[in-house]
Amino acid sequence: MWRRLTNPDVLIYLDVTIACAADREGLDAPSSWWADEREVRLAHARTHCDLYIDTTSRTPDEVYTEVVQFLAAWRRHI
């Protein structure tokens, strides 16, 4: 779906564990849709992404820094 709707020049995939996502959202237990969403619907994007970042143990600032550094390097190579 990501290619049909936008066909981006760069695809950055931000991942997180189920437990961490539940904690961040203030949920007691992960929803049952999580496995389907992550494993089926997002599998194609994860496989074809230009940059994969597991955000589970990273702060928003760390994720931002990695993305900015990646995009700066990517721009030098286009």
Protein backbone atom coordinates (compact mmCIF):
# COMPACT_ATOMS: atom_id res chain seq x y z
CA MET A 1 0.00 0.00 0.00
CA TRP A 2 2.84 2.42 0.76
CA ARG A 3 3.95 2.35 -2.88
CA ARG A 4 0.45 2.75 -4.26
CA LEU A 5 -0.39 5.77 -2.15
CA THR A 6 2.87 7.69 -2.16
CA ASN A 7 5.74 5.89 -3.93
CA PRO A 8 8.34 7.57 -1.71
CA ASP A 9 11.93 8.26 -2.67
CA VAL A 10 13.02 6.98 0.75
CA LEU A 11 11.22 4.59 3.06
CA ILE A 12 12.13 4.62 6.75
CA TYR A 13 10.64 1.85 8.84
CA LEU A 14 10.29 2.51 12.56
CA ASP A 15 9.78 -0.66 14.56
CA VAL A 16 9.03 -1.34 18.23
CA THR A 17 8.34 -4.39 20.37
CA ILE A 18 4.77 -5.18 21.30
CA ALA A 19 5.46 -4.63 25.01
CA CYS A 20 7.10 -1.27 24.43
CA ALA A 21 4.30 -0.07 22.15
CA ALA A 22 1.71 -1.04 24.76
CA ASP A 23 3.67 0.75 27.46
CA ARG A 24 4.05 3.89 25.35
CA GLU A 25 0.31 3.95 24.70
CA GLY A 26 -0.59 3.23 28.32
CA LEU A 27 -2.17 -0.13 27.53
CA ASP A 28 -2.15 -3.14 29.84
CA ALA A 29 -1.80 -5.69 27.08
CA PRO A 30 -1.13 -5.47 23.37
CA SER A 31 -4.13 -5.65 21.10
CA SER A 32 -4.70 -8.83 19.12
CA TRP A 33 -4.31 -6.92 15.84
CA TRP A 34 -0.62 -6.24 16.52
CA ALA A 35 0.79 -9.50 15.17
CA ASP A 36 -1.27 -9.26 11.98
CA GLU A 37 -0.40 -5.59 11.50
CA ARG A 38 3.31 -6.10 12.04
CA GLU A 39 3.84 -9.46 10.41
CA VAL A 40 1.45 -9.30 7.47
CA ARG A 41 0.50 -5.75 6.59
CA LEU A 42 3.86 -4.15 7.24
CA ALA A 43 6.09 -7.00 6.07
CA HIS A 44 6.48 -5.62 2.55
CA ALA A 45 7.46 -2.17 3.79
CA ARG A 46 9.90 -3.67 6.29
CA THR A 47 11.49 -5.80 3.58
CA HIS A 48 11.86 -2.89 1.14
CA CYS A 49 12.74 -0.04 3.49
CA ASP A 50 15.87 2.02 2.95
CA LEU A 51 16.43 2.44 6.68
CA TYR A 52 15.17 0.18 9.47
CA ILE A 53 15.22 1.49 13.03
CA ASP A 54 14.14 -0.47 16.09
CA THR A 55 12.91 2.32 18.37
CA THR A 56 12.34 0.06 21.37
CA SER A 57 15.40 1.17 23.32
CA ARG A 58 15.93 4.56 21.69
CA THR A 59 14.77 8.02 22.62
CA PRO A 60 12.95 10.18 20.10
CA ASP A 61 16.09 12.34 19.84
CA GLU A 62 18.22 9.29 19.01
CA VAL A 63 15.79 8.20 16.30
CA TYR A 64 15.69 11.72 14.88
CA THR A 65 19.48 11.93 14.79
CA GLU A 66 19.80 8.61 12.97
CA VAL A 67 17.17 9.61 10.40
CA VAL A 68 18.78 13.00 9.77
CA GLN A 69 22.22 11.41 9.35
CA PHE A 70 20.83 8.79 6.99
CA LEU A 71 19.01 11.38 4.86
CA ALA A 72 22.11 13.58 4.66
CA ALA A 73 24.17 10.64 3.41
CA TRP A 74 21.39 9.57 1.04
CA ARG A 75 21.20 13.07 -0.50
CA ARG A 76 24.95 13.02 -1.20
CA HIS A 77 24.49 9.84 -3.24
CA ILE A 78 21.54 10.84 -5.43
